[in-house]
Amino acid sequence: MQHITSTDHRTISYDKYGSGPPLVLVHGGFSDHQSNWEFVKPLFENQFTVYAIARRGRGETDATVGHSLENESLDVATLIQSIDEPVFLLGHSYGAQIALAAAAKVSDRLRKLVLYEPPDPRAINPEVFKRLEALAQADDWDKFAVTFFRDALRVPIEELDELRNTELWLPIVADARASLGDLRALNRYDFDVNRFRELRVPVLLQIGTESPRDLYVTDEIAAVLPDVRIEELPGQAHEGMTTAPQMYAKSVLRFLLG
């Protein structure tokens, strides 16, 4: 992995691969710089020089306690500023909120921005959050992940049971401790969509047709940005890059390179 130093003097790591114009990827929770993009990596690296950041607590990036979403957006902005030409920026889930905040800081360094279902901090149920904190205290990370997917993301129990029986579940559980930091930061984040009214780069907002739309700020963002479009991924929910990588990549490539 390659490394940079954050504005608060932390080590931030990232994978770099492929060739072409630079594309910075910001992964979501319950995943990392590898697992979030595992199935679309072959489709991206033939078109872009990819910079897949490992957010705090992943890869060789320092694990910090009490960091904010703004801290992580500065990590991404620092990576973008280290690249010697304007970049495409793409974020998924919590990583989409980070990417949006970073975009506002370095908009002059961006070509285009893609956001897949940035979560609404106000949609976190306080009772669910209390249960998650209790499970974290008990080091029951498997149940922590189950509770989040079932009660926060509202994944149908049949689909969740199927997921738990696949090889995808172990990396999800392995990332649960770091994802607790994401959830705490998101819970403290004061999301104000008006901050982004002057963001003039072209923006693609992706959303799965099967996702509970009220969990995400997609429509709220679309209402204020000057150059924005929404694209629905039919039949998909919150993990389209994993469940339908060809569809997802086609949407991204059409927007970024079309």
Protein backbone atom coordinates (compact mmCIF):
# COMPACT_ATOMS: atom_id res chain seq x y z
CA MET A 1 0.00 0.00 0.00
CA GLN A 2 1.00 3.63 -0.45
CA HIS A 3 0.78 6.26 2.28
CA ILE A 4 0.13 9.93 2.94
CA THR A 5 -0.15 11.89 6.18
CA SER A 6 -3.47 13.39 7.21
CA THR A 7 -3.96 16.95 8.44
CA ASP A 8 -4.04 15.60 12.02
CA HIS A 9 -0.76 13.72 11.47
CA ARG A 10 -2.22 10.24 10.98
CA THR A 11 -1.02 7.70 8.42
CA ILE A 12 -3.54 7.19 5.62
CA SER A 13 -3.01 4.26 3.24
CA TYR A 14 -4.41 3.49 -0.17
CA ASP A 15 -4.13 0.96 -2.98
CA LYS A 16 -3.18 2.22 -6.42
CA TYR A 17 -3.74 0.18 -9.57
CA GLY A 18 -4.80 0.38 -13.21
CA SER A 19 -4.12 3.01 -15.85
CA GLY A 20 -6.00 6.02 -17.19
CA PRO A 21 -7.47 9.14 -15.58
CA PRO A 22 -7.42 9.09 -11.75
CA LEU A 23 -10.42 7.69 -9.90
CA VAL A 24 -10.54 7.95 -6.09
CA LEU A 25 -12.74 5.36 -4.36
CA VAL A 26 -14.12 5.88 -0.84
CA HIS A 27 -15.52 2.70 0.70
CA GLY A 28 -18.44 2.45 3.07
CA GLY A 29 -18.87 0.71 6.41
CA PHE A 30 -18.64 -3.04 7.00
CA SER A 31 -16.11 -3.10 4.16
CA ASP A 32 -12.68 -1.81 3.26
CA HIS A 33 -10.60 -0.61 0.31
CA GLN A 34 -10.57 -4.16 -1.08
CA SER A 35 -13.87 -5.82 -0.20
CA ASN A 36 -16.08 -2.87 -1.22
CA TRP A 37 -14.65 -2.91 -4.76
CA GLU A 38 -13.72 -6.58 -5.16
CA PHE A 39 -16.12 -7.34 -8.00
CA VAL A 40 -15.74 -4.06 -9.92
CA LYS A 41 -11.96 -3.78 -9.63
CA PRO A 42 -11.35 -5.61 -12.97
CA LEU A 43 -13.85 -3.28 -14.66
CA PHE A 44 -12.33 -0.09 -13.24
CA GLU A 45 -8.61 -0.81 -13.54
CA ASN A 46 -8.82 -1.09 -17.34
CA GLN A 47 -10.23 2.44 -17.55
CA PHE A 48 -8.73 4.36 -14.62
CA THR A 49 -5.75 4.76 -12.36
CA VAL A 50 -7.58 3.82 -9.18
CA TYR A 51 -6.75 5.23 -5.76
CA ALA A 52 -8.75 3.10 -3.29
CA ILE A 53 -8.37 4.76 0.10
CA ALA A 54 -8.41 2.63 3.24
CA ARG A 55 -10.38 4.65 5.73
CA ARG A 56 -9.44 4.86 9.40
CA GLY A 57 -8.90 1.46 10.99
CA ARG A 58 -8.53 -0.35 7.66
CA GLY A 59 -5.51 -1.45 5.67
CA GLU A 60 -2.41 0.33 6.98
CA THR A 61 -4.36 3.45 7.96
CA ASP A 62 -4.21 4.44 11.62
CA ALA A 63 -7.17 3.39 13.74
CA THR A 64 -8.42 6.42 15.65
CA VAL A 65 -11.08 6.82 18.32
CA GLY A 66 -13.54 9.69 18.30
CA HIS A 67 -12.75 10.90 14.79
CA SER A 68 -15.42 12.76 12.87
CA LEU A 69 -16.80 12.50 9.37
CA GLU A 70 -15.05 15.81 8.68
CA ASN A 71 -11.72 14.27 9.73
CA GLU A 72 -12.20 11.53 7.16
CA SER A 73 -13.27 13.98 4.48
CA LEU A 74 -9.99 15.83 5.06
CA ASP A 75 -8.15 12.50 4.61
CA VAL A 76 -9.80 12.10 1.21
CA ALA A 77 -9.18 15.74 0.29
CA THR A 78 -5.50 15.32 1.17
CA LEU A 79 -5.24 12.28 -1.10
CA ILE A 80 -6.93 14.17 -3.94
CA GLN A 81 -4.56 17.11 -3.53
CA SER A 82 -1.58 14.74 -3.73
CA ILE A 83 -2.57 13.62 -7.24
CA ASP A 84 -1.10 15.74 -10.02
CA GLU A 85 -4.30 16.15 -12.06
CA PRO A 86 -8.05 16.54 -11.42
CA VAL A 87 -9.77 13.33 -10.37
CA PHE A 88 -13.03 11.46 -10.58
CA LEU A 89 -14.38 10.80 -7.06
CA LEU A 90 -16.72 7.97 -6.07
CA GLY A 91 -18.13 7.10 -2.65
CA HIS A 92 -20.41 4.37 -1.34
CA SER A 93 -22.73 4.61 1.67
CA TYR A 94 -20.95 6.32 4.60
CA GLY A 95 -18.09 6.79 2.16
CA ALA A 96 -20.47 8.75 -0.06
CA GLN A 97 -21.10 11.22 2.76
CA ILE A 98 -17.33 11.53 3.19
CA ALA A 99 -16.81 11.97 -0.55
CA LEU A 100 -19.47 14.70 -0.68
CA ALA A 101 -17.85 16.60 2.19
CA ALA A 102 -14.42 16.20 0.58
CA ALA A 103 -15.78 17.41 -2.76
CA ALA A 104 -16.91 20.67 -1.17
CA LYS A 105 -13.35 21.21 0.09
CA VAL A 106 -11.49 20.50 -3.18
CA SER A 107 -14.09 21.02 -5.91
CA ASP A 108 -11.45 22.64 -8.13
CA ARG A 109 -9.61 19.28 -8.16
CA LEU A 110 -12.63 17.23 -9.29
CA ARG A 111 -13.86 16.20 -12.72
CA LYS A 112 -17.04 14.40 -11.67
CA LEU A 113 -18.55 12.90 -8.51
CA VAL A 114 -20.51 9.65 -8.03
CA LEU A 115 -22.40 8.96 -4.78
CA TYR A 116 -24.17 5.68 -4.02
CA GLU A 117 -26.79 6.06 -1.29
CA PRO A 118 -25.21 8.47 1.24
CA PRO A 119 -27.00 7.72 4.53
CA ASP A 120 -29.16 10.21 6.38
CA PRO A 121 -27.71 10.62 9.91
CA ARG A 122 -31.19 11.50 11.14
CA ALA A 123 -32.47 8.07 10.07
CA ILE A 124 -30.45 6.24 12.74
CA ASN A 125 -32.93 4.88 15.29
CA PRO A 126 -31.67 5.76 18.80
CA GLU A 127 -32.85 2.42 20.21
CA VAL A 128 -31.01 0.50 17.49
CA PHE A 129 -27.90 2.54 18.20
CA LYS A 130 -28.10 1.69 21.90
CA ARG A 131 -28.33 -2.02 21.06
CA LEU A 132 -25.32 -1.72 18.77
CA GLU A 133 -23.27 -0.03 21.50
CA ALA A 134 -24.20 -2.80 23.95
CA LEU A 135 -23.19 -5.51 21.47
CA ALA A 136 -19.90 -3.71 20.87
CA GLN A 137 -19.24 -3.65 24.61
CA ALA A 138 -19.86 -7.41 24.65
CA ASP A 139 -17.51 -7.96 21.67
CA ASP A 140 -20.35 -9.75 19.87
CA TRP A 141 -19.46 -8.48 16.41
CA ASP A 142 -21.44 -11.08 14.49
CA LYS A 143 -24.66 -10.07 16.25
CA PHE A 144 -23.61 -6.43 15.89
CA ALA A 145 -23.49 -6.86 12.09
CA VAL A 146 -26.77 -8.79 12.04
CA THR A 147 -28.50 -6.11 14.09
CA PHE A 148 -27.24 -3.32 11.86
CA PHE A 149 -28.22 -5.00 8.60
CA ARG A 150 -31.62 -6.13 9.92
CA ASP A 151 -32.71 -3.16 12.03
CA ALA A 152 -30.86 -0.18 10.51
CA LEU A 153 -30.54 -1.09 6.81
CA ARG A 154 -33.84 -3.04 6.93
CA VAL A 155 -32.45 -5.97 4.96
CA PRO A 156 -35.21 -8.64 4.75
CA ILE A 157 -34.40 -11.54 7.06
CA GLU A 158 -34.43 -14.07 4.20
CA GLU A 159 -31.81 -12.06 2.31
CA LEU A 160 -29.77 -11.57 5.46
CA ASP A 161 -29.77 -15.30 6.16
CA GLU A 162 -28.56 -15.93 2.61
CA LEU A 163 -25.79 -13.36 3.02
CA ARG A 164 -24.61 -14.94 6.27
CA ASN A 165 -24.15 -18.24 4.45
CA THR A 166 -21.81 -16.76 1.85
CA GLU A 167 -18.10 -15.94 1.89
CA LEU A 168 -19.03 -12.25 1.99
CA TRP A 169 -20.13 -12.39 5.64
CA LEU A 170 -16.73 -12.95 7.28
CA PRO A 171 -15.23 -9.69 5.91
CA ILE A 172 -18.35 -7.84 7.03
CA VAL A 173 -17.98 -9.10 10.60
CA ALA A 174 -14.22 -8.46 10.54
CA ASP A 175 -14.90 -4.81 9.77
CA ALA A 176 -17.59 -4.37 12.43
CA ARG A 177 -15.28 -2.83 15.04
CA ALA A 178 -14.07 -0.16 12.60
CA SER A 179 -17.65 0.35 11.41
CA LEU A 180 -18.66 1.24 14.96
CA GLY A 181 -16.44 4.30 14.55
CA ASP A 182 -18.26 5.11 11.31
CA LEU A 183 -21.64 4.87 13.00
CA ARG A 184 -20.57 7.03 15.91
CA ALA A 185 -19.20 9.66 13.55
CA LEU A 186 -22.33 9.58 11.40
CA ASN A 187 -24.54 9.87 14.48
CA ARG A 188 -22.69 13.07 15.44
CA TYR A 189 -22.64 14.52 11.93
CA ASP A 190 -24.73 17.67 11.44
CA PHE A 191 -25.77 17.16 7.82
CA ASP A 192 -26.75 20.43 6.17
CA VAL A 193 -27.45 20.01 2.47
CA ASN A 194 -27.19 23.75 1.88
CA ARG A 195 -23.41 23.48 2.31
CA PHE A 196 -23.29 21.90 -1.13
CA ARG A 197 -25.39 24.32 -3.19
CA GLU A 198 -22.28 25.77 -4.84
CA LEU A 199 -20.80 22.40 -5.79
CA ARG A 200 -20.76 22.77 -9.56
CA VAL A 201 -19.07 19.56 -10.67
CA PRO A 202 -21.32 17.04 -12.46
CA VAL A 203 -22.77 14.61 -9.91
CA LEU A 204 -24.35 11.18 -10.36
CA LEU A 205 -26.53 9.92 -7.50
CA GLN A 206 -27.06 6.17 -7.71
CA ILE A 207 -29.77 4.36 -5.76
CA GLY A 208 -31.10 0.82 -5.81
CA THR A 209 -34.78 0.40 -6.54
CA GLU A 210 -35.05 -2.04 -3.60
CA SER A 211 -33.46 0.31 -1.05
CA PRO A 212 -35.61 2.08 1.56
CA ARG A 213 -35.26 5.55 0.07
CA ASP A 214 -35.89 7.36 3.35
CA LEU A 215 -32.62 6.03 4.78
CA TYR A 216 -30.60 8.10 2.32
CA VAL A 217 -30.21 11.78 1.40
CA THR A 218 -30.20 11.15 -2.36
CA ASP A 219 -33.30 13.21 -3.10
CA GLU A 220 -32.30 15.96 -0.68
CA ILE A 221 -28.94 16.37 -2.42
CA ALA A 222 -30.53 16.26 -5.87
CA ALA A 223 -32.82 19.15 -4.90
CA VAL A 224 -29.93 21.59 -4.37
CA LEU A 225 -27.05 20.67 -6.68
CA PRO A 226 -26.80 22.63 -9.94
CA ASP A 227 -25.52 19.74 -12.11
CA VAL A 228 -26.96 16.45 -10.88
CA ARG A 229 -28.80 13.37 -12.04
CA ILE A 230 -30.26 10.34 -10.26
CA GLU A 231 -29.90 6.86 -11.73
CA GLU A 232 -31.78 3.91 -10.29
CA LEU A 233 -30.21 0.45 -10.39
CA PRO A 234 -33.13 -1.90 -11.01
CA GLY A 235 -33.50 -4.80 -8.65
CA GLN A 236 -30.60 -3.69 -6.44
CA ALA A 237 -30.39 -2.48 -2.86
CA HIS A 238 -27.46 -0.98 -0.97
CA GLU A 239 -24.61 -3.11 -2.41
CA GLY A 240 -25.02 -2.89 -6.17
CA MET A 241 -21.27 -3.03 -6.80
CA THR A 242 -21.32 -6.50 -5.19
CA THR A 243 -24.69 -7.87 -6.25
CA ALA A 244 -24.66 -6.54 -9.84
CA PRO A 245 -21.09 -5.41 -10.63
CA GLN A 246 -21.58 -5.23 -14.39
CA MET A 247 -24.69 -3.06 -14.05
CA TYR A 248 -23.03 -0.87 -11.46
CA ALA A 249 -19.81 -0.40 -13.43
CA LYS A 250 -21.71 0.32 -16.64
CA SER A 251 -23.59 3.12 -14.86
CA VAL A 252 -20.36 4.59 -13.47
CA LEU A 253 -18.43 4.34 -16.75
CA ARG A 254 -21.28 5.83 -18.78
CA PHE A 255 -21.35 8.87 -16.50
CA LEU A 256 -17.63 9.37 -16.00
CA LEU A 257 -16.44 8.68 -19.55
CA GLY A 258 -19.54 9.31 -21.64
